[in-house]
Amino acid sequence: MKADIKNFIKECDIFQRNKIETIHPTGLLQPLSIPIRVWLDISLDFIEGLPLSNGFNVILVMVDRLSKYMHFISITHSYTATKII
């Protein structure tokens, strides 16, 4: 059935005339600049959906882009940007 549907769409004149690209072609990727000092440029990520442990259920992961050193901080789910900073 899947193959039949693919063939129908491939051969259908109406589908082929109305099919348009809705996105612009992407440009070249620009590399990120290399940091000049440790902990000058960091990335943050949250690991959510964990079971409750000592009152915490989220892990905040902070990674230094230059040294790849990481900090793992346990927090509760009711966090905001002002609480994290």
N, C-alpha and C. Protein backbone atom coordinates (compact mmCIF):
# COMPACT_ATOMS: atom_id res chain seq x y z
N MET A 1 0.83 -1.19 0.00
CA MET A 1 0.00 0.00 0.00
C MET A 1 0.88 1.26 0.00
N LYS A 2 1.97 1.24 0.76
CA LYS A 2 2.85 2.39 0.81
C LYS A 2 3.47 2.67 -0.57
N ALA A 3 3.88 1.61 -1.25
CA ALA A 3 4.45 1.77 -2.59
C ALA A 3 3.41 2.30 -3.57
N ASP A 4 2.17 1.83 -3.44
CA ASP A 4 1.10 2.32 -4.33
C ASP A 4 0.85 3.81 -4.13
N ILE A 5 0.86 4.25 -2.87
CA ILE A 5 0.65 5.68 -2.57
C ILE A 5 1.80 6.51 -3.12
N LYS A 6 3.04 6.04 -2.97
CA LYS A 6 4.19 6.76 -3.52
C LYS A 6 4.09 6.87 -5.03
N ASN A 7 3.71 5.78 -5.70
CA ASN A 7 3.55 5.82 -7.15
C ASN A 7 2.45 6.77 -7.58
N PHE A 8 1.34 6.76 -6.86
CA PHE A 8 0.23 7.65 -7.19
C PHE A 8 0.66 9.11 -7.09
N ILE A 9 1.35 9.46 -6.00
CA ILE A 9 1.79 10.84 -5.82
C ILE A 9 2.84 11.21 -6.86
N LYS A 10 3.72 10.27 -7.19
CA LYS A 10 4.78 10.54 -8.16
C LYS A 10 4.19 10.77 -9.56
N GLU A 11 3.13 10.06 -9.91
CA GLU A 11 2.56 10.13 -11.25
C GLU A 11 1.39 11.10 -11.37
N CYS A 12 0.87 11.58 -10.27
CA CYS A 12 -0.31 12.45 -10.31
C CYS A 12 0.08 13.84 -10.80
N ASP A 13 -0.59 14.32 -11.85
CA ASP A 13 -0.29 15.61 -12.45
C ASP A 13 -0.62 16.76 -11.49
N ILE A 14 -1.69 16.67 -10.76
CA ILE A 14 -2.10 17.75 -9.84
C ILE A 14 -1.07 17.90 -8.72
N PHE A 15 -0.61 16.78 -8.16
CA PHE A 15 0.40 16.85 -7.11
C PHE A 15 1.69 17.48 -7.63
N GLN A 16 2.11 17.13 -8.84
CA GLN A 16 3.36 17.64 -9.38
C GLN A 16 3.29 19.13 -9.72
N ARG A 17 2.15 19.61 -10.17
CA ARG A 17 2.01 21.04 -10.50
C ARG A 17 1.90 21.91 -9.26
N ASN A 18 1.34 21.41 -8.17
CA ASN A 18 1.11 22.21 -6.98
C ASN A 18 2.19 22.06 -5.92
N LYS A 19 3.19 21.24 -6.19
CA LYS A 19 4.24 21.04 -5.21
C LYS A 19 5.24 22.20 -5.34
N ILE A 20 5.43 22.95 -4.24
CA ILE A 20 6.36 24.07 -4.26
C ILE A 20 7.29 23.96 -3.06
N GLU A 21 8.45 24.56 -3.17
CA GLU A 21 9.37 24.63 -2.05
C GLU A 21 8.97 25.82 -1.19
N THR A 22 8.79 25.61 0.11
CA THR A 22 8.36 26.68 1.00
C THR A 22 9.51 27.30 1.78
N ILE A 23 10.72 26.77 1.61
CA ILE A 23 11.86 27.31 2.33
C ILE A 23 12.89 27.82 1.33
N HIS A 24 13.65 28.80 1.75
CA HIS A 24 14.73 29.31 0.92
C HIS A 24 15.94 28.40 1.06
N PRO A 25 16.75 28.31 0.02
CA PRO A 25 17.96 27.50 0.18
C PRO A 25 18.87 28.10 1.24
N THR A 26 19.45 27.25 2.03
CA THR A 26 20.30 27.74 3.12
C THR A 26 21.64 28.18 2.57
N GLY A 27 22.25 29.12 3.25
CA GLY A 27 23.57 29.60 2.86
C GLY A 27 24.66 28.74 3.45
N LEU A 28 25.88 29.18 3.31
CA LEU A 28 27.00 28.44 3.87
C LEU A 28 27.02 28.58 5.39
N LEU A 29 27.44 27.53 6.05
CA LEU A 29 27.55 27.58 7.50
C LEU A 29 28.73 28.44 7.90
N GLN A 30 28.54 29.24 8.92
CA GLN A 30 29.60 30.10 9.43
C GLN A 30 30.15 29.48 10.71
N PRO A 31 31.45 29.20 10.77
CA PRO A 31 32.00 28.59 11.97
C PRO A 31 31.98 29.58 13.14
N LEU A 32 31.83 29.05 14.34
CA LEU A 32 31.89 29.87 15.53
C LEU A 32 33.33 30.29 15.79
N SER A 33 33.50 31.46 16.35
CA SER A 33 34.85 31.92 16.66
C SER A 33 35.43 31.10 17.81
N ILE A 34 36.74 30.95 17.82
CA ILE A 34 37.42 30.19 18.87
C ILE A 34 37.60 31.10 20.08
N PRO A 35 37.14 30.68 21.27
CA PRO A 35 37.29 31.52 22.46
C PRO A 35 38.76 31.73 22.80
N ILE A 36 39.07 32.87 23.40
CA ILE A 36 40.46 33.17 23.74
C ILE A 36 40.80 32.84 25.19
N ARG A 37 39.78 32.66 26.03
CA ARG A 37 39.99 32.31 27.44
C ARG A 37 39.02 31.22 27.85
N VAL A 38 39.42 30.50 28.88
CA VAL A 38 38.54 29.47 29.44
C VAL A 38 37.35 30.14 30.11
N TRP A 39 36.18 29.55 29.98
CA TRP A 39 34.90 30.00 30.52
C TRP A 39 34.46 31.37 29.98
N LEU A 40 35.03 31.79 28.86
CA LEU A 40 34.58 33.01 28.22
C LEU A 40 33.32 32.75 27.39
N ASP A 41 33.24 31.57 26.81
CA ASP A 41 32.10 31.20 25.97
C ASP A 41 31.59 29.85 26.46
N ILE A 42 30.36 29.81 26.95
CA ILE A 42 29.80 28.57 27.50
C ILE A 42 28.51 28.22 26.78
N SER A 43 28.12 26.97 26.87
CA SER A 43 26.82 26.54 26.39
C SER A 43 26.06 25.94 27.58
N LEU A 44 24.75 26.12 27.57
CA LEU A 44 23.89 25.61 28.63
C LEU A 44 22.89 24.63 28.05
N ASP A 45 22.57 23.60 28.79
CA ASP A 45 21.56 22.65 28.37
C ASP A 45 20.88 22.12 29.63
N PHE A 46 19.63 21.71 29.47
CA PHE A 46 18.85 21.17 30.58
C PHE A 46 18.49 19.72 30.26
N ILE A 47 18.66 18.85 31.24
CA ILE A 47 18.20 17.47 31.14
C ILE A 47 16.99 17.37 32.05
N GLU A 48 15.82 17.20 31.43
CA GLU A 48 14.56 17.19 32.17
C GLU A 48 13.93 15.80 32.15
N GLY A 49 12.85 15.67 32.89
CA GLY A 49 12.10 14.42 32.91
C GLY A 49 12.74 13.35 33.76
N LEU A 50 13.57 13.73 34.68
CA LEU A 50 14.23 12.76 35.55
C LEU A 50 13.38 12.50 36.78
N PRO A 51 13.51 11.34 37.39
CA PRO A 51 12.77 11.09 38.63
C PRO A 51 13.31 11.98 39.75
N LEU A 52 12.47 12.28 40.71
CA LEU A 52 12.83 13.15 41.82
C LEU A 52 13.93 12.50 42.67
N SER A 53 15.00 13.27 42.94
CA SER A 53 16.11 12.79 43.74
C SER A 53 16.57 13.92 44.65
N ASN A 54 16.39 13.76 45.96
CA ASN A 54 16.74 14.79 46.95
C ASN A 54 16.05 16.12 46.65
N GLY A 55 14.86 16.08 46.09
CA GLY A 55 14.10 17.29 45.79
C GLY A 55 14.42 17.91 44.44
N PHE A 56 15.32 17.33 43.67
CA PHE A 56 15.71 17.87 42.36
C PHE A 56 15.27 16.92 41.25
N ASN A 57 14.88 17.49 40.11
CA ASN A 57 14.47 16.64 38.99
C ASN A 57 14.99 17.13 37.64
N VAL A 58 15.88 18.13 37.63
CA VAL A 58 16.47 18.66 36.40
C VAL A 58 17.96 18.83 36.62
N ILE A 59 18.76 18.58 35.58
CA ILE A 59 20.19 18.81 35.64
C ILE A 59 20.53 19.91 34.64
N LEU A 60 21.19 20.95 35.13
CA LEU A 60 21.70 22.02 34.28
C LEU A 60 23.14 21.66 33.91
N VAL A 61 23.41 21.59 32.61
CA VAL A 61 24.74 21.24 32.12
C VAL A 61 25.38 22.49 31.53
N MET A 62 26.52 22.90 32.09
CA MET A 62 27.27 24.05 31.59
C MET A 62 28.58 23.53 31.01
N VAL A 63 28.86 23.85 29.73
CA VAL A 63 30.05 23.36 29.05
C VAL A 63 30.87 24.54 28.56
N ASP A 64 32.17 24.54 28.88
CA ASP A 64 33.08 25.54 28.35
C ASP A 64 33.48 25.09 26.94
N ARG A 65 33.33 25.99 25.96
CA ARG A 65 33.61 25.62 24.57
C ARG A 65 35.10 25.43 24.30
N LEU A 66 35.98 26.07 25.04
CA LEU A 66 37.41 25.95 24.77
C LEU A 66 37.99 24.68 25.38
N SER A 67 37.77 24.47 26.66
CA SER A 67 38.38 23.33 27.34
C SER A 67 37.48 22.09 27.38
N LYS A 68 36.21 22.25 27.03
CA LYS A 68 35.21 21.17 27.10
C LYS A 68 34.98 20.69 28.53
N TYR A 69 35.33 21.52 29.51
CA TYR A 69 35.09 21.20 30.91
C TYR A 69 33.62 21.43 31.21
N MET A 70 33.01 20.57 32.04
CA MET A 70 31.57 20.64 32.29
C MET A 70 31.27 20.77 33.78
N HIS A 71 30.16 21.44 34.05
CA HIS A 71 29.59 21.47 35.39
C HIS A 71 28.16 20.94 35.29
N PHE A 72 27.78 20.08 36.21
CA PHE A 72 26.43 19.55 36.28
C PHE A 72 25.81 20.06 37.57
N ILE A 73 24.71 20.80 37.46
CA ILE A 73 24.06 21.42 38.61
C ILE A 73 22.64 20.90 38.70
N SER A 74 22.26 20.36 39.84
CA SER A 74 20.89 19.86 40.01
C SER A 74 19.99 21.01 40.44
N ILE A 75 18.83 21.12 39.79
CA ILE A 75 17.86 22.17 40.09
C ILE A 75 16.46 21.56 40.05
N THR A 76 15.48 22.33 40.51
CA THR A 76 14.09 21.89 40.42
C THR A 76 13.48 22.41 39.13
N HIS A 77 12.34 21.85 38.76
CA HIS A 77 11.74 22.19 37.46
C HIS A 77 11.19 23.61 37.40
N SER A 78 10.84 24.20 38.49
CA SER A 78 10.25 25.55 38.43
C SER A 78 11.36 26.61 38.34
N TYR A 79 12.14 26.60 37.26
CA TYR A 79 13.22 27.56 37.10
C TYR A 79 12.84 28.61 36.06
N THR A 80 13.45 29.79 36.19
CA THR A 80 13.30 30.86 35.22
C THR A 80 14.70 31.36 34.87
N ALA A 81 14.78 32.22 33.87
CA ALA A 81 16.09 32.76 33.46
C ALA A 81 16.74 33.55 34.59
N THR A 82 15.96 34.27 35.35
CA THR A 82 16.54 35.05 36.45
C THR A 82 17.06 34.16 37.57
N LYS A 83 16.42 33.01 37.80
CA LYS A 83 16.90 32.10 38.83
C LYS A 83 18.18 31.39 38.39
N ILE A 84 18.31 31.09 37.11
CA ILE A 84 19.49 30.39 36.61
C ILE A 84 20.71 31.28 36.63
N ILE A 85 20.56 32.54 36.25
CA ILE A 85 21.68 33.48 36.23
C ILE A 85 21.99 33.89 37.64
